[in-house]
């Protein structure tokens, strides 16, 4: 399953991949140079919005990858 969109924060600590299958879900990866974590799966826009708020990441901090 390929992501339909991918974003990174400006510090490149996080990578967010969006998937449409059959609902909208997001995989969040913590990145550190060449290594990355297992994905944290979030289901729906409200879950992504809560995650971004708890990590103090605004939409302006995201860049397309």
N, C-alpha and C. Protein backbone atom coordinates (compact mmCIF):
# COMPACT_ATOMS: atom_id res chain seq x y z
N UNK A 1 0.85 -1.16 0.00
CA UNK A 1 0.00 0.00 0.00
C UNK A 1 0.91 1.24 0.00
N UNK A 2 0.79 2.06 -1.01
CA UNK A 2 1.59 3.27 -1.13
C UNK A 2 0.85 4.45 -0.50
N UNK A 3 1.59 5.34 0.17
CA UNK A 3 0.92 6.51 0.76
C UNK A 3 0.45 7.47 -0.33
N UNK A 4 -0.68 8.14 -0.06
CA UNK A 4 -1.17 9.13 -1.02
C UNK A 4 -0.54 10.50 -0.79
N UNK A 5 0.04 10.72 0.39
CA UNK A 5 0.75 11.97 0.67
C UNK A 5 1.75 11.71 1.80
N UNK A 6 2.86 12.45 1.77
CA UNK A 6 3.90 12.32 2.80
C UNK A 6 4.36 13.72 3.20
N UNK A 7 4.45 13.95 4.52
CA UNK A 7 4.94 15.22 5.04
C UNK A 7 6.03 14.96 6.07
N UNK A 8 6.88 15.96 6.26
CA UNK A 8 7.89 15.97 7.33
C UNK A 8 7.78 17.29 8.07
N UNK A 9 8.16 17.26 9.35
CA UNK A 9 8.23 18.53 10.06
C UNK A 9 9.55 19.20 9.70
N UNK A 10 9.68 20.47 10.04
CA UNK A 10 10.86 21.23 9.61
C UNK A 10 12.14 20.74 10.25
N UNK A 11 12.07 20.13 11.44
CA UNK A 11 13.27 19.60 12.08
C UNK A 11 13.58 18.18 11.62
N UNK A 12 12.73 17.62 10.80
CA UNK A 12 12.88 16.25 10.28
C UNK A 12 12.94 15.21 11.40
N UNK A 13 12.17 15.46 12.48
CA UNK A 13 12.05 14.49 13.55
C UNK A 13 10.89 13.53 13.30
N UNK A 14 9.92 13.95 12.50
CA UNK A 14 8.71 13.17 12.25
C UNK A 14 8.41 13.08 10.76
N UNK A 15 7.90 11.94 10.34
CA UNK A 15 7.39 11.77 8.97
C UNK A 15 5.95 11.27 9.09
N UNK A 16 5.06 11.88 8.34
CA UNK A 16 3.64 11.54 8.37
C UNK A 16 3.24 11.07 6.98
N UNK A 17 2.66 9.87 6.91
CA UNK A 17 2.18 9.33 5.63
C UNK A 17 0.66 9.18 5.72
N UNK A 18 -0.04 9.60 4.68
CA UNK A 18 -1.50 9.48 4.63
C UNK A 18 -1.88 8.34 3.70
N UNK A 19 -2.85 7.53 4.12
CA UNK A 19 -3.35 6.40 3.33
C UNK A 19 -4.86 6.48 3.24
N UNK A 20 -5.40 6.10 2.11
CA UNK A 20 -6.85 6.01 1.92
C UNK A 20 -7.21 4.56 1.66
N UNK A 21 -7.58 3.84 2.71
CA UNK A 21 -7.90 2.43 2.51
C UNK A 21 -8.70 1.89 3.67
N UNK A 22 -9.91 1.63 3.61
CA UNK A 22 -11.01 2.35 2.96
C UNK A 22 -11.32 3.66 3.67
N UNK A 23 -10.77 3.85 4.88
CA UNK A 23 -10.94 5.12 5.56
C UNK A 23 -9.63 5.90 5.49
N UNK A 24 -9.60 7.09 6.02
CA UNK A 24 -8.38 7.90 6.01
C UNK A 24 -7.57 7.57 7.25
N UNK A 25 -6.34 7.13 7.05
CA UNK A 25 -5.46 6.82 8.18
C UNK A 25 -4.08 7.39 7.94
N UNK A 26 -3.37 7.63 9.03
CA UNK A 26 -2.06 8.25 8.98
C UNK A 26 -1.06 7.38 9.73
N UNK A 27 0.13 7.23 9.16
CA UNK A 27 1.22 6.55 9.84
C UNK A 27 2.24 7.61 10.24
N UNK A 28 2.58 7.65 11.52
CA UNK A 28 3.55 8.61 12.04
C UNK A 28 4.83 7.85 12.37
N UNK A 29 5.96 8.32 11.84
CA UNK A 29 7.26 7.71 12.10
C UNK A 29 8.15 8.73 12.78
N UNK A 30 8.82 8.34 13.87
CA UNK A 30 9.86 9.17 14.46
C UNK A 30 11.14 8.86 13.70
N UNK A 31 11.82 9.89 13.20
CA UNK A 31 13.03 9.68 12.41
C UNK A 31 14.23 10.30 13.11
N UNK A 32 15.37 9.64 12.95
CA UNK A 32 16.61 10.13 13.56
C UNK A 32 17.75 9.75 12.62
N UNK A 33 18.05 10.62 11.68
CA UNK A 33 19.09 10.30 10.70
C UNK A 33 18.66 9.18 9.78
N UNK A 34 19.32 8.03 9.89
CA UNK A 34 19.01 6.92 8.99
C UNK A 34 18.05 5.92 9.60
N UNK A 35 17.70 6.06 10.87
CA UNK A 35 16.79 5.11 11.51
C UNK A 35 15.41 5.74 11.70
N UNK A 36 14.39 4.89 11.78
CA UNK A 36 13.06 5.39 12.08
C UNK A 36 12.30 4.35 12.88
N UNK A 37 11.30 4.83 13.59
CA UNK A 37 10.52 3.97 14.48
C UNK A 37 9.49 3.15 13.70
N UNK A 38 8.86 2.24 14.41
CA UNK A 38 7.69 1.56 13.87
C UNK A 38 6.58 2.60 13.77
N UNK A 39 5.63 2.42 12.85
CA UNK A 39 4.59 3.46 12.69
C UNK A 39 3.60 3.49 13.84
N UNK A 40 3.17 4.70 14.17
CA UNK A 40 2.03 4.91 15.04
C UNK A 40 0.86 5.19 14.12
N UNK A 41 -0.18 4.36 14.16
CA UNK A 41 -1.31 4.51 13.24
C UNK A 41 -2.39 5.36 13.89
N UNK A 42 -2.81 6.40 13.18
CA UNK A 42 -3.91 7.27 13.60
C UNK A 42 -5.03 7.15 12.59
N UNK A 43 -6.26 7.09 13.07
CA UNK A 43 -7.41 6.92 12.18
C UNK A 43 -8.26 8.19 12.18
N UNK A 44 -8.26 8.89 11.05
CA UNK A 44 -9.08 10.08 10.89
C UNK A 44 -8.33 11.38 11.15
N UNK A 45 -8.90 12.45 10.61
CA UNK A 45 -8.29 13.78 10.74
C UNK A 45 -8.28 14.27 12.19
N UNK A 46 -9.31 13.94 12.97
CA UNK A 46 -9.34 14.42 14.35
C UNK A 46 -8.20 13.81 15.16
N UNK A 47 -7.87 12.56 14.91
CA UNK A 47 -6.75 11.92 15.61
C UNK A 47 -5.43 12.58 15.22
N UNK A 48 -5.27 12.89 13.93
CA UNK A 48 -4.05 13.58 13.49
C UNK A 48 -3.96 14.97 14.10
N UNK A 49 -5.08 15.70 14.14
CA UNK A 49 -5.09 17.05 14.72
C UNK A 49 -4.69 17.00 16.20
N UNK A 50 -5.22 16.04 16.96
CA UNK A 50 -4.85 15.91 18.37
C UNK A 50 -3.37 15.59 18.52
N UNK A 51 -2.84 14.70 17.68
CA UNK A 51 -1.43 14.33 17.76
C UNK A 51 -0.54 15.55 17.45
N UNK A 52 -0.89 16.31 16.41
CA UNK A 52 -0.11 17.51 16.07
C UNK A 52 -0.14 18.52 17.22
N UNK A 53 -1.30 18.70 17.86
CA UNK A 53 -1.41 19.65 18.96
C UNK A 53 -0.58 19.19 20.16
N UNK A 54 -0.59 17.92 20.48
CA UNK A 54 0.16 17.45 21.65
C UNK A 54 1.67 17.53 21.43
N UNK A 55 2.11 17.53 20.17
CA UNK A 55 3.53 17.64 19.86
C UNK A 55 3.92 19.07 19.43
N UNK A 56 2.99 20.01 19.57
CA UNK A 56 3.22 21.42 19.25
C UNK A 56 3.75 21.61 17.83
N UNK A 57 3.12 20.90 16.89
CA UNK A 57 3.48 21.02 15.47
C UNK A 57 2.30 21.69 14.76
N UNK A 58 2.55 22.81 14.11
CA UNK A 58 1.49 23.48 13.37
C UNK A 58 1.54 23.02 11.91
N UNK A 59 0.49 23.31 11.19
CA UNK A 59 0.46 22.94 9.77
C UNK A 59 1.53 23.67 8.98
N UNK A 60 1.91 24.87 9.45
CA UNK A 60 2.99 25.62 8.78
C UNK A 60 4.35 24.95 8.96
N UNK A 61 4.47 24.08 9.97
CA UNK A 61 5.73 23.38 10.22
C UNK A 61 5.91 22.16 9.33
N UNK A 62 4.89 21.78 8.58
CA UNK A 62 4.97 20.58 7.74
C UNK A 62 5.37 20.95 6.33
N UNK A 63 6.24 20.13 5.74
CA UNK A 63 6.65 20.31 4.35
C UNK A 63 6.43 18.99 3.61
N UNK A 64 6.07 19.09 2.35
CA UNK A 64 5.86 17.88 1.54
C UNK A 64 7.17 17.15 1.34
N UNK A 65 7.08 15.85 1.32
CA UNK A 65 8.29 15.05 1.14
C UNK A 65 8.24 14.33 -0.18
